[in-house]
Amino acid sequence: MAAPAIQLDHVTFQYDSQAEPTLHDINLTIQPGEKVLIVGPSGSGKSTLGNLINGLIPHAFPGKLSGTVTVNGTVVQDASLATLSLQVGTVLQDPDAQFVALTAGEDIAFALENSAVAPSEMHTRVKKWADRLKIGDLLAQAPQSLSGGQKQRVAMAGVLIDEGDILLFDEPLASLDPATGEASVDLIDELHQTYHVTEVIIEHRLEDVLRRPVDRLVVMKDGRIIADDAPETLLHGQLLQQIGLREPLYLEAAEFAGVDLNQADHLADLSRFEAPQLRPKVAAFTAEAATVKPEQLQAPLLSIDGLQFGYPNGRQIFTDLSFTLHHGEMVALVGRNGVGKSTLSHLIAGFLKPGAGRMTLDGEDLADWSVKERADKIGYILQDPNQMISKYLIFDEVALGPRLRGWDETRVKTAVIEALKVCGLYPFRSWPINALSYGQKKRVTIAAILVLEPDLMILDEPTAGQDWRHFTDMMRFLTTLNERGITMMLITHDMHLMLEYAQRAIVLGDGGILMDDSPAAVLTNPAIIEHASLAQPSLYRLAKREGLNPLAFTQAVIDQERMVRQ
């Protein structure tokens, strides 16, 4: 039997900056050619484990390391980082973080230049991998000008060009739109099947990765490996749900329909998923589902009519954009990367000026409103909370807006305390912000907007990078705010968020609106899915396979999920 590609024996690691170990007694063996998915809730140690495999620990991130880490027979502690980088190619969550050159071609060639490879061979190998990854026509372009999927392919080519036999992917789906995410999963599988490389994938989006076969599922919690088995075996149990990971939506739907998953086969593969009485049970569930009447729309809040906008470089984003948000709605704004979702938010907030068209808020024309005046009524929360935070203490951050507006301190204190209580942050009011988790920082930025009592909140990717438990906590919190009367516009790539929480989905494309309908209607429309780079939910595929109406089945499952959640 061949020697393991990766082996960790009784490995414990503690960062110098931490009081306790992040990893405890890790034992893991990965054979050559295996494809292994590492999952676990946020903070479970997944990325630290990945950094042990590629040698960043202990060579770049110092700390106390015990036990042995071996890669292709080389002890990581004894090898240089340069040597290890030739054996383990790492594709980061954010491809921009690993670009070093002015063009895609130069970036792909960077490792070869460092190894003093002859220019003729360098050009040959760059062309070979660029063509294999279908980016041969992008070599002269700046990496930063590429789409998310193109950036990821350039990053992959840059590590594959070393022709190492181990690939490590750290949350490869995090910054991609749904269709590009599917293409990324397909590409990772194609590399595995074609070149027989060993692949380690770190990702909390279990269902998305499992659309292609995985040999093993390694489950982590609190710095320990608590399970290491075939996906099929683990999906038959309750462990994943118990630690805050979500089972695939099609399995949840089958359970709603009364299907006994203990008697089911191929739980990890929707195309082969079978269970006793599956078809009659899901058909009966769909037929018997109570029709949920749409909520009566309230008065219009934000109205946009005939909006046009283009950037100075000549790139036209909107040619005729019109829609209305009503008081109390929670609306998902979706579309492929670069279609103008963030641009629209900036236009509404006043950071950009439209070329033509009209925007009104509660009937008042926004044309002459300053950014500050709009901020009193429209809150805009960025995806990364660290880009919004400017104070050291939580209380002072939330109080910043009121103080800048000249509120007296009694009013400031009353309003800030109320906002902190609503956001579940009151017990931490005197804490330094840097002591908070990512999700808590998100809540601080929301509290800092909420304190101003806005009518509309625009949130850019509110659940990005969060595991299911933190996703659920955030969305319950936003639902509570929505129920208090705040209108929500959520910019998202997360189809689960869109399906399960939004009342409407607005799909941007072709300079305007491609579709404005219920999320279930949008995600069961193949033409819209393709045009807007969305992804067919597993509910759609299960319904088609079982001969059901996809819209009726999807809506029935989502309505049931919402009732269970209440």
Protein backbone atom coordinates (compact mmCIF):
# COMPACT_ATOMS: atom_id res chain seq x y z
CA MET A 1 0.00 0.00 0.00
CA ALA A 2 1.29 3.47 -0.89
CA ALA A 3 2.45 5.77 1.86
CA PRO A 4 -0.16 8.32 3.00
CA ALA A 5 -0.28 11.62 1.17
CA ILE A 6 -1.07 13.41 4.44
CA GLN A 7 -0.68 12.11 7.97
CA LEU A 8 -1.15 13.83 11.32
CA ASP A 9 -0.24 11.89 14.46
CA HIS A 10 -1.38 13.21 17.85
CA VAL A 11 -1.11 16.82 16.72
CA THR A 12 -1.93 19.61 19.15
CA PHE A 13 -1.40 23.26 18.24
CA GLN A 14 -1.70 26.49 20.19
CA TYR A 15 -1.18 29.91 18.60
CA ASP A 16 1.19 32.18 20.50
CA SER A 17 -1.63 34.71 20.82
CA GLN A 18 -4.09 32.23 22.32
CA ALA A 19 -4.42 30.98 25.89
CA GLU A 20 -5.68 27.53 24.86
CA PRO A 21 -4.86 25.13 22.01
CA THR A 22 -6.89 25.51 18.81
CA LEU A 23 -6.34 21.85 17.84
CA HIS A 24 -6.33 18.92 20.27
CA ASP A 25 -4.77 15.51 19.57
CA ILE A 26 -5.55 15.40 15.84
CA ASN A 27 -5.06 12.05 14.12
CA LEU A 28 -5.80 12.03 10.40
CA THR A 29 -4.58 9.96 7.46
CA ILE A 30 -5.39 10.82 3.84
CA GLN A 31 -4.31 8.40 1.12
CA PRO A 32 -3.01 9.46 -2.32
CA GLY A 33 -5.87 10.28 -4.69
CA GLU A 34 -8.51 10.68 -1.99
CA LYS A 35 -10.99 13.54 -2.03
CA VAL A 36 -11.76 14.64 1.52
CA LEU A 37 -14.21 17.29 2.70
CA ILE A 38 -13.51 18.91 6.08
CA VAL A 39 -16.57 20.46 7.72
CA GLY A 40 -17.43 21.93 11.08
CA PRO A 41 -18.99 25.00 12.68
CA SER A 42 -17.18 28.33 12.72
CA GLY A 43 -14.23 28.26 15.09
CA SER A 44 -13.89 24.47 15.02
CA GLY A 45 -10.30 24.58 13.74
CA LYS A 46 -10.81 23.74 10.06
CA SER A 47 -8.57 26.49 8.68
CA THR A 48 -5.91 25.80 11.29
CA LEU A 49 -5.88 22.16 10.20
CA GLY A 50 -5.49 23.31 6.59
CA ASN A 51 -2.59 25.55 7.55
CA LEU A 52 -0.86 22.56 9.15
CA ILE A 53 -1.21 20.58 5.92
CA ASN A 54 0.27 23.31 3.71
CA GLY A 55 3.00 24.23 6.19
CA LEU A 56 1.87 27.77 7.05
CA ILE A 57 1.88 26.34 10.56
CA PRO A 58 4.46 26.42 12.04
CA HIS A 59 6.48 28.37 9.42
CA ALA A 60 4.25 31.46 9.01
CA PHE A 61 1.97 31.27 12.05
CA PRO A 62 4.09 30.58 15.13
CA GLY A 63 2.85 28.63 18.09
CA LYS A 64 3.34 25.55 20.20
CA LEU A 65 3.09 22.41 18.05
CA SER A 66 3.32 18.84 19.29
CA GLY A 67 2.90 15.63 17.33
CA THR A 68 3.96 14.99 13.74
CA VAL A 69 2.59 16.32 10.44
CA THR A 70 3.80 14.44 7.35
CA VAL A 71 3.12 15.35 3.71
CA ASN A 72 4.27 12.88 1.05
CA GLY A 73 6.73 11.45 3.56
CA THR A 74 8.17 14.87 4.45
CA VAL A 75 7.85 16.02 8.06
CA VAL A 76 6.33 19.50 7.83
CA GLN A 77 8.20 20.79 10.86
CA ASP A 78 11.55 19.91 9.23
CA ALA A 79 10.88 21.20 5.71
CA SER A 80 10.96 24.75 4.37
CA LEU A 81 7.76 26.50 3.36
CA ALA A 82 9.11 26.77 -0.19
CA THR A 83 9.56 23.00 -0.37
CA LEU A 84 6.09 22.34 1.03
CA SER A 85 4.46 24.79 -1.40
CA LEU A 86 5.64 22.60 -4.28
CA GLN A 87 3.83 19.61 -2.77
CA VAL A 88 0.62 21.24 -1.53
CA GLY A 89 -1.09 23.79 -3.75
CA THR A 90 -3.46 26.04 -1.79
CA VAL A 91 -6.41 27.95 -3.28
CA LEU A 92 -7.54 30.56 -0.78
CA GLN A 93 -11.09 31.66 0.01
CA ASP A 94 -10.30 35.09 -1.48
CA PRO A 95 -8.28 34.68 -4.72
CA ASP A 96 -7.35 38.38 -4.64
CA ALA A 97 -5.27 37.64 -1.53
CA GLN A 98 -2.89 35.40 -3.48
CA PHE A 99 -2.39 37.44 -6.67
CA VAL A 100 1.10 38.93 -6.98
CA ALA A 101 1.43 39.99 -10.63
CA LEU A 102 -0.02 42.53 -13.06
CA THR A 103 -1.49 39.99 -15.49
CA ALA A 104 -3.12 36.60 -15.12
CA GLY A 105 -0.38 34.96 -17.19
CA GLU A 106 2.39 36.43 -15.05
CA ASP A 107 0.59 35.35 -11.91
CA ILE A 108 0.29 31.76 -13.13
CA ALA A 109 3.99 31.78 -14.01
CA PHE A 110 5.13 33.22 -10.67
CA ALA A 111 6.14 29.91 -9.08
CA LEU A 112 8.10 28.91 -12.18
CA GLU A 113 9.95 32.22 -12.18
CA ASN A 114 10.95 31.64 -8.57
CA SER A 115 12.32 28.24 -9.59
CA ALA A 116 14.31 29.78 -12.49
CA VAL A 117 12.48 27.71 -15.10
CA ALA A 118 13.56 28.50 -18.66
CA PRO A 119 11.25 31.01 -20.40
CA SER A 120 10.38 28.60 -23.22
CA GLU A 121 9.26 25.91 -20.78
CA MET A 122 7.50 28.52 -18.68
CA HIS A 123 5.38 29.71 -21.62
CA THR A 124 4.55 26.12 -22.55
CA ARG A 125 3.39 25.20 -19.05
CA VAL A 126 1.42 28.42 -18.55
CA LYS A 127 -0.41 27.84 -21.83
CA LYS A 128 -1.05 24.18 -20.97
CA TRP A 129 -2.73 24.91 -17.63
CA ALA A 130 -4.50 28.02 -18.85
CA ASP A 131 -6.04 26.03 -21.71
CA ARG A 132 -6.98 23.14 -19.41
CA LEU A 133 -8.79 25.55 -17.08
CA LYS A 134 -10.37 27.44 -20.00
CA ILE A 135 -8.71 30.77 -19.25
CA GLY A 136 -6.31 30.88 -22.21
CA ASP A 137 -7.88 34.11 -23.51
CA LEU A 138 -7.47 35.89 -20.15
CA LEU A 139 -3.68 35.72 -19.76
CA ALA A 140 -3.09 39.38 -20.67
CA GLN A 141 -5.78 40.71 -18.34
CA ALA A 142 -5.23 42.04 -14.82
CA PRO A 143 -6.42 39.46 -12.26
CA GLN A 144 -8.43 42.12 -10.43
CA SER A 145 -10.51 42.79 -13.57
CA LEU A 146 -11.76 39.20 -13.79
CA SER A 147 -14.98 37.71 -12.46
CA GLY A 148 -14.99 35.67 -9.26
CA GLY A 149 -14.95 32.37 -11.12
CA GLN A 150 -12.20 33.50 -13.48
CA LYS A 151 -10.08 34.67 -10.55
CA GLN A 152 -10.44 31.28 -8.91
CA ARG A 153 -9.36 29.49 -12.09
CA VAL A 154 -6.28 31.72 -12.35
CA ALA A 155 -5.44 30.92 -8.72
CA MET A 156 -5.90 27.19 -9.44
CA ALA A 157 -3.64 27.39 -12.49
CA GLY A 158 -1.02 29.14 -10.38
CA VAL A 159 -0.83 26.17 -8.00
CA LEU A 160 -1.38 23.41 -10.57
CA ILE A 161 1.54 24.63 -12.65
CA ASP A 162 3.91 23.23 -10.01
CA GLU A 163 2.31 19.86 -10.78
CA GLY A 164 2.16 18.89 -7.13
CA ASP A 165 -0.20 16.06 -6.26
CA ILE A 166 -2.06 17.61 -3.31
CA LEU A 167 -4.60 20.44 -3.64
CA LEU A 168 -6.06 22.28 -0.64
CA PHE A 169 -9.18 24.42 -1.14
CA ASP A 170 -10.09 26.78 1.72
CA GLU A 171 -13.81 27.69 1.42
CA PRO A 172 -13.72 27.82 -2.40
CA LEU A 173 -17.41 28.80 -2.70
CA ALA A 174 -17.38 31.75 -0.30
CA SER A 175 -17.22 34.63 -2.81
CA LEU A 176 -18.91 33.06 -5.84
CA ASP A 177 -22.40 33.49 -7.24
CA PRO A 178 -24.48 30.28 -7.26
CA ALA A 179 -23.84 29.24 -10.86
CA THR A 180 -20.12 29.97 -10.58
CA GLY A 181 -20.06 28.01 -7.32
CA GLU A 182 -21.55 25.00 -9.10
CA ALA A 183 -18.95 25.34 -11.86
CA SER A 184 -16.21 25.50 -9.22
CA VAL A 185 -17.41 22.26 -7.59
CA ASP A 186 -17.49 20.65 -11.05
CA LEU A 187 -13.96 21.85 -11.82
CA ILE A 188 -12.57 20.58 -8.51
CA ASP A 189 -14.11 17.19 -9.26
CA GLU A 190 -12.80 17.22 -12.83
CA LEU A 191 -9.26 17.87 -11.57
CA HIS A 192 -9.63 14.97 -9.16
CA GLN A 193 -10.97 12.57 -11.78
CA THR A 194 -8.55 13.59 -14.55
CA TYR A 195 -5.26 14.03 -12.70
CA HIS A 196 -5.89 11.77 -9.67
CA VAL A 197 -4.64 14.43 -7.30
CA THR A 198 -5.31 14.30 -3.58
CA GLU A 199 -7.87 16.96 -2.69
CA VAL A 200 -8.71 18.47 0.68
CA ILE A 201 -11.72 20.81 0.66
CA ILE A 202 -12.57 22.99 3.66
CA GLU A 203 -16.15 24.21 3.29
CA HIS A 204 -19.26 24.52 5.47
CA ARG A 205 -21.68 24.47 2.51
CA LEU A 206 -22.17 20.72 2.66
CA GLU A 207 -24.96 20.33 0.11
CA ASP A 208 -23.17 22.41 -2.51
CA VAL A 209 -19.96 20.36 -2.33
CA LEU A 210 -21.79 17.03 -2.25
CA ARG A 211 -23.25 17.64 -5.70
CA ARG A 212 -20.09 15.80 -6.79
CA PRO A 213 -18.70 12.65 -5.09
CA VAL A 214 -16.53 12.93 -1.98
CA ASP A 215 -14.66 9.97 -0.50
CA ARG A 216 -14.73 11.03 3.12
CA LEU A 217 -16.26 13.61 5.40
CA VAL A 218 -14.09 14.78 8.30
CA VAL A 219 -16.17 16.56 10.95
CA MET A 220 -14.55 18.95 13.42
CA LYS A 221 -15.80 20.59 16.59
CA ASP A 222 -13.92 22.55 19.25
CA GLY A 223 -10.55 21.73 17.72
CA ARG A 224 -11.12 17.97 17.58
CA ILE A 225 -12.06 15.50 14.86
CA ILE A 226 -15.33 14.00 16.07
CA ALA A 227 -16.16 11.95 12.96
CA ASP A 228 -14.36 10.66 9.88
CA ASP A 229 -16.52 8.55 7.59
CA ALA A 230 -18.30 8.31 4.26
CA PRO A 231 -20.84 11.11 3.66
CA GLU A 232 -23.59 8.50 3.30
CA THR A 233 -22.92 7.16 6.78
CA LEU A 234 -22.87 10.56 8.46
CA LEU A 235 -26.04 11.75 6.70
CA HIS A 236 -27.88 8.75 8.16
CA GLY A 237 -27.16 10.06 11.67
CA GLN A 238 -27.91 13.26 13.55
CA LEU A 239 -24.35 14.38 14.30
CA LEU A 240 -24.17 17.06 11.60
CA GLN A 241 -27.36 18.78 12.77
CA GLN A 242 -26.31 18.48 16.42
CA ILE A 243 -23.16 20.51 15.84
CA GLY A 244 -24.85 23.17 13.71
CA LEU A 245 -24.37 21.90 10.16
CA ARG A 246 -27.30 21.70 7.82
CA GLU A 247 -28.36 18.55 6.05
CA PRO A 248 -29.14 18.90 2.31
CA LEU A 249 -32.48 20.60 1.68
CA TYR A 250 -33.86 17.67 -0.32
CA LEU A 251 -33.41 15.41 2.72
CA GLU A 252 -35.22 17.93 4.91
CA ALA A 253 -38.03 18.00 2.35
CA ALA A 254 -38.27 14.20 2.35
CA GLU A 255 -38.54 14.23 6.15
CA PHE A 256 -41.32 16.82 5.97
CA ALA A 257 -43.15 14.40 3.65
CA GLY A 258 -42.85 11.57 6.18
CA VAL A 259 -40.06 9.65 4.45
CA ASP A 260 -37.98 7.47 6.79
CA LEU A 261 -34.38 8.37 5.96
CA ASN A 262 -33.13 5.42 8.00
CA GLN A 263 -34.53 3.23 5.21
CA ALA A 264 -33.17 5.43 2.42
CA ASP A 265 -30.19 4.84 0.14
CA HIS A 266 -27.69 7.22 -1.47
CA LEU A 267 -28.47 10.16 0.82
CA ALA A 268 -25.37 12.02 -0.40
CA ASP A 269 -26.32 11.79 -4.10
CA LEU A 270 -29.62 13.36 -5.13
CA SER A 271 -29.51 11.69 -8.56
CA ARG A 272 -29.57 8.24 -6.89
CA PHE A 273 -31.45 9.09 -3.68
CA GLU A 274 -34.13 6.47 -3.03
CA ALA A 275 -36.43 5.63 -0.12
CA PRO A 276 -39.55 3.48 0.39
CA GLN A 277 -42.66 5.31 -0.81
CA LEU A 278 -40.64 8.40 -1.73
CA ARG A 279 -42.71 9.41 -4.77
CA PRO A 280 -46.21 8.94 -3.27
CA LYS A 281 -45.20 10.60 -0.02
CA VAL A 282 -43.71 13.74 -1.57
CA ALA A 283 -46.66 13.91 -3.99
CA ALA A 284 -49.15 13.69 -1.11
CA PHE A 285 -47.20 16.28 0.87
CA THR A 286 -47.34 18.68 -2.07
CA ALA A 287 -51.04 18.11 -2.70
CA GLU A 288 -51.98 18.49 0.96
CA ALA A 289 -49.84 21.56 1.64
CA ALA A 290 -51.87 24.46 2.89
CA THR A 291 -51.79 27.44 0.58
CA VAL A 292 -50.21 30.34 2.40
CA LYS A 293 -51.87 33.55 1.34
CA PRO A 294 -49.40 36.29 0.44
CA GLU A 295 -49.29 39.08 2.96
CA GLN A 296 -51.19 42.22 2.07
CA LEU A 297 -48.72 44.80 0.81
CA GLN A 298 -48.48 47.99 2.80
CA ALA A 299 -47.93 51.46 1.37
CA PRO A 300 -44.93 52.01 -0.92
CA LEU A 301 -41.72 53.02 0.84
CA LEU A 302 -39.06 53.22 -1.88
CA SER A 303 -40.09 53.73 -5.49
CA ILE A 304 -37.59 53.71 -8.37
CA ASP A 305 -38.74 54.66 -11.85
CA GLY A 306 -36.71 54.64 -15.07
CA LEU A 307 -33.33 54.67 -13.33
CA GLN A 308 -30.26 54.95 -15.57
CA PHE A 309 -26.63 54.80 -14.53
CA GLY A 310 -23.24 54.25 -16.12
CA TYR A 311 -19.68 54.62 -14.89
CA PRO A 312 -17.30 57.22 -16.39
CA ASN A 313 -15.39 54.46 -18.20
CA GLY A 314 -18.47 53.94 -20.37
CA ARG A 315 -19.76 50.81 -18.67
CA GLN A 316 -23.54 51.09 -18.55
CA ILE A 317 -25.14 49.34 -15.56
CA PHE A 318 -28.81 50.39 -15.66
CA THR A 319 -30.74 51.51 -18.72
CA ASP A 320 -34.29 51.35 -17.36
CA LEU A 321 -34.67 50.13 -13.78
CA SER A 322 -38.03 50.36 -12.03
CA PHE A 323 -39.42 48.69 -8.90
CA THR A 324 -41.10 49.46 -5.58
CA LEU A 325 -40.36 48.34 -2.02
CA HIS A 326 -43.26 48.44 0.41
CA HIS A 327 -43.22 49.12 4.13
CA GLY A 328 -42.44 45.97 6.13
CA GLU A 329 -41.15 43.84 3.25
CA MET A 330 -38.08 41.61 3.30
CA VAL A 331 -36.80 41.46 -0.28
CA ALA A 332 -33.82 39.59 -1.75
CA LEU A 333 -31.81 41.36 -4.45
CA VAL A 334 -30.01 38.78 -6.59
CA GLY A 335 -28.14 38.44 -9.87
CA ARG A 336 -24.79 37.42 -11.25
CA ASN A 337 -21.56 39.08 -10.08
CA GLY A 338 -21.08 42.51 -11.65
CA VAL A 339 -24.74 43.01 -12.58
CA GLY A 340 -25.09 46.10 -10.37
CA LYS A 341 -26.41 44.97 -6.99
CA SER A 342 -23.91 47.04 -5.01
CA THR A 343 -24.20 49.88 -7.51
CA LEU A 344 -27.94 50.02 -6.90
CA SER A 345 -27.35 50.16 -3.14
CA HIS A 346 -24.91 53.04 -3.61
CA LEU A 347 -27.46 54.89 -5.75
CA ILE A 348 -30.16 54.46 -3.12
CA ALA A 349 -27.80 55.56 -0.32
CA GLY A 350 -26.68 58.60 -2.33
CA PHE A 351 -23.03 57.62 -2.82
CA LEU A 352 -23.63 57.69 -6.58
CA LYS A 353 -25.87 59.94 -8.68
CA PRO A 354 -28.11 58.44 -11.40
CA GLY A 355 -27.92 59.66 -14.96
CA ALA A 356 -31.71 59.71 -15.23
CA GLY A 357 -34.79 58.45 -13.46
CA ARG A 358 -36.54 59.17 -10.19
CA MET A 359 -36.30 57.74 -6.67
CA THR A 360 -38.77 58.56 -3.93
CA LEU A 361 -38.93 57.59 -0.25
CA ASP A 362 -42.40 57.75 1.25
CA GLY A 363 -43.36 59.92 -1.70
CA GLU A 364 -40.51 62.43 -1.28
CA ASP A 365 -38.07 62.87 -4.16
CA LEU A 366 -34.56 61.81 -3.10
CA ALA A 367 -32.79 63.83 -5.79
CA ASP A 368 -31.90 66.71 -3.47
CA TRP A 369 -31.29 64.65 -0.32
CA SER A 370 -27.72 64.58 0.95
CA VAL A 371 -25.99 61.35 1.95
CA LYS A 372 -26.48 62.34 5.62
CA GLU A 373 -30.20 63.00 5.13
CA ARG A 374 -30.62 59.65 3.42
CA ALA A 375 -28.66 57.92 6.19
CA ASP A 376 -31.29 59.04 8.70
CA LYS A 377 -33.87 56.96 6.84
CA ILE A 378 -31.82 54.40 4.90
CA GLY A 379 -29.26 52.19 6.64
CA TYR A 380 -26.58 50.48 4.52
CA ILE A 381 -24.64 47.62 6.14
CA LEU A 382 -21.54 46.39 4.33
CA GLN A 383 -20.64 42.71 3.99
CA ASP A 384 -17.46 43.09 6.07
CA PRO A 385 -18.22 44.66 9.47
CA ASN A 386 -14.57 45.61 9.93
CA GLN A 387 -14.97 48.16 7.12
CA MET A 388 -17.66 50.01 9.11
CA ILE A 389 -16.28 49.96 12.65
CA SER A 390 -14.32 53.01 13.82
CA LYS A 391 -14.54 52.98 17.64
CA TYR A 392 -12.91 50.81 20.28
CA LEU A 393 -15.90 50.10 22.54
CA ILE A 394 -19.27 48.73 21.49
CA PHE A 395 -21.28 51.46 23.20
CA ASP A 396 -19.25 54.22 21.54
CA GLU A 397 -19.61 52.63 18.09
CA VAL A 398 -23.40 52.48 18.36
CA ALA A 399 -23.48 56.01 19.82
CA LEU A 400 -21.36 57.49 17.02
CA GLY A 401 -24.23 58.33 14.66
CA PRO A 402 -26.45 59.99 17.29
CA ARG A 403 -23.51 62.00 18.67
CA LEU A 404 -22.54 63.22 15.20
CA ARG A 405 -26.12 64.40 14.82
CA GLY A 406 -25.90 66.43 18.01
CA TRP A 407 -28.24 64.39 20.19
CA ASP A 408 -27.97 65.18 23.90
CA GLU A 409 -26.30 62.43 25.97
CA THR A 410 -29.49 61.42 27.76
CA ARG A 411 -31.18 60.72 24.44
CA VAL A 412 -28.03 59.01 23.13
CA LYS A 413 -27.83 56.68 26.13
CA THR A 414 -31.51 55.76 25.97
CA ALA A 415 -31.42 55.06 22.23
CA VAL A 416 -28.14 53.12 22.33
CA ILE A 417 -29.26 50.91 25.21
CA GLU A 418 -32.50 50.11 23.37
CA ALA A 419 -30.62 49.24 20.15
CA LEU A 420 -28.12 47.08 22.05
CA LYS A 421 -30.92 45.18 23.77
CA VAL A 422 -32.72 44.54 20.48
CA CYS A 423 -29.45 43.28 18.96
CA GLY A 424 -28.60 41.06 21.94
CA LEU A 425 -25.48 43.11 22.70
CA TYR A 426 -26.43 44.87 25.92
CA PRO A 427 -24.37 42.53 28.18
CA PHE A 428 -21.30 43.39 26.07
CA ARG A 429 -21.85 47.15 25.91
CA SER A 430 -18.50 47.97 27.57
CA TRP A 431 -16.49 45.37 25.65
CA PRO A 432 -13.83 46.24 23.08
CA ILE A 433 -15.12 45.41 19.62
CA ASN A 434 -12.03 43.40 18.71
CA ALA A 435 -13.03 40.86 21.39
CA LEU A 436 -16.19 39.96 19.47
CA SER A 437 -16.83 37.22 16.95
CA TYR A 438 -17.50 38.02 13.29
CA GLY A 439 -21.25 37.56 13.78
CA GLN A 440 -21.28 39.79 16.86
CA LYS A 441 -19.42 42.49 14.93
CA LYS A 442 -22.15 42.24 12.28
CA ARG A 443 -24.71 42.92 14.99
CA VAL A 444 -22.75 45.94 16.19
CA THR A 445 -22.87 47.49 12.71
CA ILE A 446 -26.60 46.78 12.52
CA ALA A 447 -27.15 48.29 15.98
CA ALA A 448 -25.23 51.40 14.87
CA ILE A 449 -27.77 51.81 12.05
CA LEU A 450 -30.81 50.69 14.06
CA VAL A 451 -30.20 53.39 16.69
CA LEU A 452 -31.06 56.01 14.04
CA GLU A 453 -34.47 54.37 13.51
CA PRO A 454 -34.26 53.92 9.72
CA ASP A 455 -37.22 52.94 7.58
CA LEU A 456 -35.11 50.82 5.21
CA MET A 457 -32.06 48.64 5.82
CA ILE A 458 -29.90 47.43 2.93
CA LEU A 459 -27.64 44.54 3.94
CA ASP A 460 -24.88 43.29 1.63
CA GLU A 461 -24.42 39.51 2.05
CA PRO A 462 -25.60 39.45 5.69
CA THR A 463 -24.77 35.75 6.17
CA ALA A 464 -21.59 35.41 4.08
CA GLY A 465 -19.01 33.07 5.58
CA GLN A 466 -21.24 31.92 8.43
CA ASP A 467 -22.12 28.34 9.28
CA TRP A 468 -25.74 27.21 9.53
CA ARG A 469 -26.10 27.98 13.23
CA HIS A 470 -24.76 31.51 12.85
CA PHE A 471 -26.73 31.91 9.61
CA THR A 472 -29.91 30.96 11.47
CA ASP A 473 -29.12 33.28 14.38
CA MET A 474 -28.51 36.21 12.04
CA MET A 475 -31.66 35.61 10.00
CA ARG A 476 -33.84 35.21 13.10
CA PHE A 477 -32.44 38.51 14.31
CA LEU A 478 -33.14 40.25 10.99
CA THR A 479 -36.64 38.74 10.93
CA THR A 480 -37.26 40.23 14.38
CA LEU A 481 -36.20 43.66 13.12
CA ASN A 482 -38.39 43.21 10.06
CA GLU A 483 -41.36 42.36 12.28
CA ARG A 484 -40.73 45.64 14.14
CA GLY A 485 -41.54 47.41 10.87
CA ILE A 486 -38.13 47.91 9.25
CA THR A 487 -38.10 47.16 5.53
CA MET A 488 -35.19 44.93 4.51
CA MET A 489 -33.39 44.64 1.17
CA LEU A 490 -30.90 41.77 1.31
CA ILE A 491 -28.19 41.53 -1.35
CA THR A 492 -27.30 37.86 -1.44
CA HIS A 493 -25.89 34.90 -3.34
CA ASP A 494 -27.39 32.51 -0.80
CA MET A 495 -30.30 30.71 -2.39
CA HIS A 496 -31.35 29.19 0.96
CA LEU A 497 -31.65 32.67 2.47
CA MET A 498 -33.65 33.86 -0.51
CA LEU A 499 -36.01 30.87 -0.45
CA GLU A 500 -36.59 30.66 3.27
CA TYR A 501 -36.71 34.26 4.45
CA ALA A 502 -37.47 36.69 1.62
CA GLN A 503 -41.03 37.46 0.61
CA ARG A 504 -39.91 38.66 -2.82
CA ALA A 505 -36.89 38.24 -5.03
CA ILE A 506 -35.80 40.95 -7.44
CA VAL A 507 -33.46 39.61 -10.13
CA LEU A 508 -31.22 42.18 -11.80
CA GLY A 509 -29.96 41.81 -15.36
CA ASP A 510 -29.78 43.40 -18.80
CA GLY A 511 -29.82 46.91 -17.35
CA GLY A 512 -33.06 46.41 -15.45
CA ILE A 513 -35.23 43.80 -13.74
CA LEU A 514 -35.28 40.26 -15.16
CA MET A 515 -37.92 39.02 -12.72
CA ASP A 516 -39.73 40.26 -9.62
CA ASP A 517 -41.66 37.43 -7.97
CA SER A 518 -41.68 34.98 -5.09
CA PRO A 519 -38.32 33.29 -4.43
CA ALA A 520 -39.82 29.88 -5.24
CA ALA A 521 -41.07 31.17 -8.60
CA VAL A 522 -37.65 32.62 -9.43
CA LEU A 523 -35.74 29.47 -8.50
CA THR A 524 -38.02 27.19 -10.49
CA ASN A 525 -37.66 29.25 -13.68
CA PRO A 526 -34.85 27.63 -15.73
CA ALA A 527 -34.42 30.59 -18.08
CA ILE A 528 -33.99 33.08 -15.24
CA ILE A 529 -31.68 30.71 -13.35
CA GLU A 530 -29.37 30.45 -16.35
CA HIS A 531 -29.48 34.11 -17.32
CA ALA A 532 -28.86 35.43 -13.80
CA SER A 533 -26.20 32.86 -12.78
CA LEU A 534 -28.43 31.45 -10.07
CA ALA A 535 -28.59 27.75 -9.21
CA GLN A 536 -31.43 25.28 -9.32
CA PRO A 537 -32.20 24.27 -5.73
CA SER A 538 -32.17 20.57 -4.94
CA LEU A 539 -35.93 20.86 -4.32
CA TYR A 540 -36.42 21.70 -8.01
CA ARG A 541 -34.35 18.72 -9.13
CA LEU A 542 -36.13 16.33 -6.75
CA ALA A 543 -39.54 17.57 -7.91
CA LYS A 544 -38.66 17.14 -11.59
CA ARG A 545 -37.30 13.67 -10.95
CA GLU A 546 -40.45 12.59 -9.12
CA GLY A 547 -42.84 14.12 -11.66
CA LEU A 548 -44.08 16.93 -9.42
CA ASN A 549 -44.76 20.57 -10.16
CA PRO A 550 -41.44 22.17 -9.07
CA LEU A 551 -43.02 25.45 -7.98
CA ALA A 552 -45.77 23.79 -5.94
CA PHE A 553 -43.34 21.38 -4.26
CA THR A 554 -40.72 24.05 -3.53
CA GLN A 555 -43.31 26.43 -2.10
CA ALA A 556 -44.81 23.66 0.04
CA VAL A 557 -41.41 22.81 1.53
CA ILE A 558 -40.53 26.44 2.21
CA ASP A 559 -43.92 27.14 3.81
CA GLN A 560 -43.46 24.09 6.03
CA GLU A 561 -39.94 25.16 6.95
CA ARG A 562 -41.19 28.61 7.94
CA MET A 563 -43.93 27.12 10.11
CA VAL A 564 -41.43 24.85 11.86
CA ARG A 565 -39.13 27.83 12.44
CA GLN A 566 -41.80 29.96 14.12
